[in-house]
C-alpha atoms as a PDB file:
ATOM      1  CA  MET A   1     -44.335  12.987 -16.664  1.00  0.00           C
ATOM      2  CA  HIS A   2     -42.170  10.519 -18.547  1.00  0.00           C
ATOM      3  CA  THR A   3     -40.478  12.065 -21.495  1.00  0.00           C
ATOM      4  CA  ASN A   4     -40.180  10.323 -24.821  1.00  0.00           C
ATOM      5  CA  TYR A   5     -36.462  10.483 -25.720  1.00  0.00           C
ATOM      6  CA  THR A   6     -36.899   9.061 -29.244  1.00  0.00           C
ATOM      7  CA  GLY A   7     -34.656  10.861 -31.713  1.00  0.00           C
ATOM      8  CA  THR A   8     -32.782  12.798 -29.024  1.00  0.00           C
ATOM      9  CA  GLU A   9     -29.239  12.860 -27.754  1.00  0.00           C
ATOM     10  CA  ILE A  10     -30.497  11.118 -24.626  1.00  0.00           C
ATOM     11  CA  GLU A  11     -31.741   8.143 -26.658  1.00  0.00           C
ATOM     12  CA  ASN A  12     -28.290   7.884 -28.272  1.00  0.00           C
ATOM     13  CA  ILE A  13     -26.575   7.794 -24.884  1.00  0.00           C
ATOM     14  CA  VAL A  14     -29.023   5.229 -23.489  1.00  0.00           C
ATOM     15  CA  ASN A  15     -28.397   2.999 -26.534  1.00  0.00           C
ATOM     16  CA  GLN A  16     -24.614   3.666 -26.605  1.00  0.00           C
ATOM     17  CA  PRO A  17     -23.438   4.122 -22.979  1.00  0.00           C
ATOM     18  CA  ALA A  18     -19.882   5.005 -24.098  1.00  0.00           C
ATOM     19  CA  LEU A  19     -21.296   8.347 -25.261  1.00  0.00           C
ATOM     20  CA  GLY A  20     -22.011   9.096 -21.591  1.00  0.00           C
ATOM     21  CA  GLN A  21     -18.308   9.673 -21.115  1.00  0.00           C
ATOM     22  CA  ASN A  22     -18.807  13.022 -22.819  1.00  0.00           C
ATOM     23  CA  GLN A  23     -21.949  14.086 -21.032  1.00  0.00           C
ATOM     24  CA  PHE A  24     -24.819  12.434 -19.233  1.00  0.00           C
ATOM     25  CA  PHE A  25     -28.245  13.439 -18.079  1.00  0.00           C
ATOM     26  CA  ILE A  26     -30.207  13.338 -14.814  1.00  0.00           C
ATOM     27  CA  GLN A  27     -33.916  14.054 -14.790  1.00  0.00           C
ATOM     28  CA  THR A  28     -36.629  13.736 -12.141  1.00  0.00           C
ATOM     29  CA  LEU A  29     -40.229  12.524 -12.485  1.00  0.00           C
ATOM     30  CA  GLY A  30     -39.430   9.089 -13.876  1.00  0.00           C
ATOM     31  CA  GLY A  31     -36.748  10.526 -16.124  1.00  0.00           C
ATOM     32  CA  ILE A  32     -33.228   9.208 -16.249  1.00  0.00           C
ATOM     33  CA  ASN A  33     -30.420   8.449 -13.821  1.00  0.00           C
ATOM     34  CA  GLY A  34     -26.690   8.287 -14.422  1.00  0.00           C
ATOM     35  CA  ARG A  35     -24.287   5.467 -13.733  1.00  0.00           C
ATOM     36  CA  MET A  36     -20.519   5.428 -13.377  1.00  0.00           C
ATOM     37  CA  THR A  37     -17.710   3.070 -12.455  1.00  0.00           C
ATOM     38  CA  ILE A  38     -14.198   3.526 -11.073  1.00  0.00           C
ATOM     39  CA  PRO A  39     -12.404   0.609 -12.780  1.00  0.00           C
ATOM     40  CA  SER A  40      -8.829   1.898 -12.167  1.00  0.00           C
ATOM     41  CA  PHE A  41      -9.483   1.722  -8.415  1.00  0.00           C
ATOM     42  CA  ASP A  42      -9.244  -2.104  -8.544  1.00  0.00           C
ATOM     43  CA  SER A  43      -5.431  -1.836  -8.466  1.00  0.00           C
ATOM     44  CA  LEU A  44      -5.648  -0.741  -4.784  1.00  0.00           C
ATOM     45  CA  ILE A  45      -7.900  -3.584  -3.589  1.00  0.00           C
ATOM     46  CA  ALA A  46      -6.317  -5.754  -0.854  1.00  0.00           C
ATOM     47  CA  LYS A  47      -3.189  -3.537  -0.826  1.00  0.00           C
ATOM     48  CA  PRO A  48      -1.778  -1.994   2.367  1.00  0.00           C
ATOM     49  CA  VAL A  49      -3.438   1.408   1.855  1.00  0.00           C
ATOM     50  CA  ILE A  50      -5.947   3.547   3.657  1.00  0.00           C
ATOM     51  CA  ILE A  51      -8.033   6.082   1.796  1.00  0.00           C
ATOM     52  CA  ASN A  52      -7.642   9.483   3.473  1.00  0.00           C
ATOM     53  CA  LYS A  53     -10.119  11.320   1.272  1.00  0.00           C
ATOM     54  CA  ALA A  54     -12.040  10.415  -1.867  1.00  0.00           C
ATOM     55  CA  GLU A  55     -14.426  12.581  -3.843  1.00  0.00           C
ATOM     56  CA  ILE A  56     -16.507  12.315  -6.988  1.00  0.00           C
ATOM     57  CA  ILE A  57     -16.774  15.701  -8.681  1.00  0.00           C
ATOM     58  CA  LEU A  58     -19.497  16.062 -11.274  1.00  0.00           C
ATOM     59  CA  PRO A  59     -19.424  19.388 -13.147  1.00  0.00           C
ATOM     60  CA  PHE A  60     -22.587  20.453 -14.935  1.00  0.00           C
ATOM     61  CA  GLU A  61     -23.530  22.476 -17.956  1.00  0.00           C
ATOM     62  CA  ASP A  62     -25.505  25.541 -16.977  1.00  0.00           C
ATOM     63  CA  TYR A  63     -28.205  26.524 -19.478  1.00  0.00           C
ATOM     64  CA  LEU A  64     -29.823  29.795 -18.518  1.00  0.00           C
ATOM     65  CA  TYR A  65     -32.568  29.246 -21.087  1.00  0.00           C
ATOM     66  CA  ASP A  66     -33.607  25.861 -19.703  1.00  0.00           C
ATOM     67  CA  ASP A  67     -37.218  25.712 -18.475  1.00  0.00           C
ATOM     68  CA  TYR A  68     -36.299  23.244 -15.738  1.00  0.00           C
ATOM     69  CA  PRO A  69     -33.832  24.081 -12.966  1.00  0.00           C
ATOM     70  CA  SER A  70     -31.066  21.728 -11.852  1.00  0.00           C
ATOM     71  CA  PRO A  71     -31.860  19.507  -8.859  1.00  0.00           C
ATOM     72  CA  SER A  72     -30.894  21.042  -5.509  1.00  0.00           C
ATOM     73  CA  SER A  73     -28.959  17.868  -4.739  1.00  0.00           C
ATOM     74  CA  LEU A  74     -28.110  14.498  -6.175  1.00  0.00           C
ATOM     75  CA  PHE A  75     -27.723  11.154  -4.425  1.00  0.00           C
ATOM     76  CA  ILE A  76     -25.471   8.261  -5.241  1.00  0.00           C
ATOM     77  CA  SER A  77     -25.843   4.598  -4.426  1.00  0.00           C
ATOM     78  CA  ARG A  78     -23.811   1.438  -4.968  1.00  0.00           C
ATOM     79  CA  LYS A  79     -24.525  -2.168  -5.841  1.00  0.00           C
ATOM     80  CA  ASN A  80     -24.228  -4.575  -2.949  1.00  0.00           C
ATOM     81  CA  VAL A  81     -23.158  -8.225  -3.193  1.00  0.00           C
ATOM     82  CA  GLU A  82     -26.766  -9.204  -4.069  1.00  0.00           C
ATOM     83  CA  GLY A  83     -26.676  -6.795  -7.032  1.00  0.00           C
ATOM     84  CA  GLU A  84     -29.194  -4.394  -5.451  1.00  0.00           C
ATOM     85  CA  TYR A  85     -28.574  -0.686  -5.001  1.00  0.00           C
ATOM     86  CA  GLU A  86     -28.019   0.743  -1.516  1.00  0.00           C
ATOM     87  CA  PHE A  87     -26.832   4.091  -0.194  1.00  0.00           C
ATOM     88  CA  LEU A  88     -23.109   4.512   0.420  1.00  0.00           C
ATOM     89  CA  PRO A  89     -22.020   4.339   4.084  1.00  0.00           C
ATOM     90  CA  ASP A  90     -20.745   7.936   3.810  1.00  0.00           C
ATOM     91  CA  LEU A  91     -24.406   9.090   3.692  1.00  0.00           C
ATOM     92  CA  PHE A  92     -25.071   7.748   7.160  1.00  0.00           C
ATOM     93  CA  GLU A  93     -22.135   9.711   8.567  1.00  0.00           C
ATOM     94  CA  GLY A  94     -23.663  12.913   7.242  1.00  0.00           C
ATOM     95  CA  SER A  95     -20.771  13.590   4.914  1.00  0.00           C
ATOM     96  CA  LEU A  96     -21.886  12.371   1.501  1.00  0.00           C
ATOM     97  CA  GLY A  97     -22.420  15.796  -0.108  1.00  0.00           C
ATOM     98  CA  GLY A  98     -24.137  16.003  -3.479  1.00  0.00           C
ATOM     99  CA  ASN A  99     -25.492  19.545  -3.137  1.00  0.00           C
ATOM    100  CA  PHE A 100     -25.874  21.888  -6.081  1.00  0.00           C
ATOM    101  CA  ASN A 101     -22.856  24.256  -6.057  1.00  0.00           C
ATOM    102  CA  VAL A 102     -23.701  27.272  -8.192  1.00  0.00           C
ATOM    103  CA  VAL A 103     -20.260  28.894  -7.710  1.00  0.00           C
ATOM    104  CA  ASN A 104     -18.183  25.886  -8.811  1.00  0.00           C
ATOM    105  CA  LYS A 105     -20.955  24.551 -11.071  1.00  0.00           C
ATOM    106  CA  ASN A 106     -20.693  21.011  -9.791  1.00  0.00           C
ATOM    107  CA  TYR A 107     -21.968  18.369  -7.407  1.00  0.00           C
ATOM    108  CA  THR A 108     -19.317  16.858  -5.112  1.00  0.00           C
ATOM    109  CA  PHE A 109     -19.621  13.611  -3.176  1.00  0.00           C
ATOM    110  CA  ASN A 110     -17.461  12.287  -0.355  1.00  0.00           C
ATOM    111  CA  ILE A 111     -16.941   8.560  -0.979  1.00  0.00           C
ATOM    112  CA  THR A 112     -14.056   7.944   1.459  1.00  0.00           C
ATOM    113  CA  ARG A 113     -15.738   5.282   3.581  1.00  0.00           C
ATOM    114  CA  HIS A 114     -17.137   3.546   0.494  1.00  0.00           C
ATOM    115  CA  LEU A 115     -13.659   3.191  -1.059  1.00  0.00           C
ATOM    116  CA  ASN A 116     -12.111   2.058   2.250  1.00  0.00           C
ATOM    117  CA  GLU A 117     -14.719  -0.727   2.355  1.00  0.00           C
ATOM    118  CA  ILE A 118     -13.739  -1.741  -1.193  1.00  0.00           C
ATOM    119  CA  VAL A 119     -10.013  -1.786  -0.286  1.00  0.00           C
ATOM    120  CA  ALA A 120     -10.822  -3.957   2.741  1.00  0.00           C
ATOM    121  CA  GLU A 121     -12.915  -6.237   0.464  1.00  0.00           C
ATOM    122  CA  LYS A 122     -16.088  -5.592   2.491  1.00  0.00           C
ATOM    123  CA  ALA A 123     -17.812  -4.109  -0.570  1.00  0.00           C
ATOM    124  CA  ILE A 124     -17.511  -4.592  -4.313  1.00  0.00           C
ATOM    125  CA  ASN A 125     -16.247  -2.026  -6.801  1.00  0.00           C
ATOM    126  CA  ASP A 126     -19.252  -1.908  -9.092  1.00  0.00           C
ATOM    127  CA  THR A 127     -21.627   0.601 -10.625  1.00  0.00           C
ATOM    128  CA  ILE A 128     -22.447   3.820  -8.792  1.00  0.00           C
ATOM    129  CA  LYS A 129     -25.919   5.130  -9.595  1.00  0.00           C
ATOM    130  CA  ILE A 130     -26.532   8.901  -9.641  1.00  0.00           C
ATOM    131  CA  PHE A 131     -30.085  10.115  -9.160  1.00  0.00           C
ATOM    132  CA  PRO A 132     -31.836  13.398  -8.280  1.00  0.00           C
ATOM    133  CA  ASN A 133     -33.341  14.519  -4.990  1.00  0.00           C
ATOM    134  CA  GLY A 134     -37.087  15.205  -5.169  1.00  0.00           C
ATOM    135  CA  ASN A 135     -37.442  12.614  -7.928  1.00  0.00           C
ATOM    136  CA  GLY A 136     -41.217  12.305  -7.655  1.00  0.00           C
ATOM    137  CA  ILE A 137     -42.215  15.855  -6.788  1.00  0.00           C
ATOM    138  CA  THR A 138     -40.128  18.310  -8.807  1.00  0.00           C
ATOM    139  CA  ALA A 139     -39.438  18.829 -12.499  1.00  0.00           C
ATOM    140  CA  ASN A 140     -35.663  19.224 -12.520  1.00  0.00           C
ATOM    141  CA  ARG A 141     -32.888  18.101 -14.831  1.00  0.00           C
ATOM    142  CA  VAL A 142     -29.197  18.585 -15.276  1.00  0.00           C
ATOM    143  CA  VAL A 143     -26.586  17.829 -17.952  1.00  0.00           C
ATOM    144  CA  LEU A 144     -23.394  16.567 -16.285  1.00  0.00           C
ATOM    145  CA  ASN A 145     -19.987  16.613 -17.959  1.00  0.00           C
ATOM    146  CA  GLY A 146     -18.452  13.183 -18.399  1.00  0.00           C
ATOM    147  CA  MET A 147     -14.824  12.160 -17.903  1.00  0.00           C
ATOM    148  CA  ASN A 148     -14.103  12.740 -21.624  1.00  0.00           C
ATOM    149  CA  SER A 149     -16.085  15.954 -21.908  1.00  0.00           C
ATOM    150  CA  THR A 150     -14.960  18.573 -24.386  1.00  0.00           C
ATOM    151  CA  LYS A 151     -15.760  21.140 -21.700  1.00  0.00           C
ATOM    152  CA  LYS A 152     -13.056  22.604 -19.463  1.00  0.00           C
ATOM    153  CA  ASP A 153     -14.330  20.866 -16.338  1.00  0.00           C
ATOM    154  CA  LYS A 154     -14.603  17.094 -16.529  1.00  0.00           C
ATOM    155  CA  ALA A 155     -16.118  14.547 -14.150  1.00  0.00           C
ATOM    156  CA  LYS A 156     -13.455  13.024 -11.968  1.00  0.00           C
ATOM    157  CA  VAL A 157     -12.677  10.979  -8.917  1.00  0.00           C
ATOM    158  CA  VAL A 158      -9.982  12.445  -6.646  1.00  0.00           C
ATOM    159  CA  ILE A 159      -8.390   9.961  -4.225  1.00  0.00           C
ATOM    160  CA  SER A 160      -5.775  10.658  -1.543  1.00  0.00           C
ATOM    161  CA  TYR A 161      -4.361   7.610   0.201  1.00  0.00           C
ATOM    162  CA  THR A 162      -1.505   6.446   2.414  1.00  0.00           C
ATOM    163  CA  LYS A 163       0.506   3.240   2.052  1.00  0.00           C
ATOM    164  CA  TYR A 164       1.333   1.483   5.305  1.00  0.00           C
END
């Protein structure tokens, strides 16, 4: 199932990525993935800091009338120096997160190790790709609030660090 997005809000966001700062969409079965960057983080690169905790928090819009449920979890990946996507190192420590949280209505990711690698200049601060679990076997989709959302809860990155 690949949906035709012609004439939809999704087509507008695909053609004008800045609109994704208000809301963006994730859909399985060959649908769409999200992408985000953390450009303000560059000011910490090569500085005497250690990241104590870093999280991406992605609130979602909950539509009770939607025919397709939200994915049970989302994954994130980063671009490596070759420009190819790979999983964040936090995933391999079992602490990445990304599970559907019905109480807080969000997906939260631990990206502490990823950001420490950027600070140490072992990884690049580039695009983070957001994609759904069960991409080829379930019909799920979710509307995530962007950083400039008009909704109360906005997408954000929360970073706690120590200078040494």
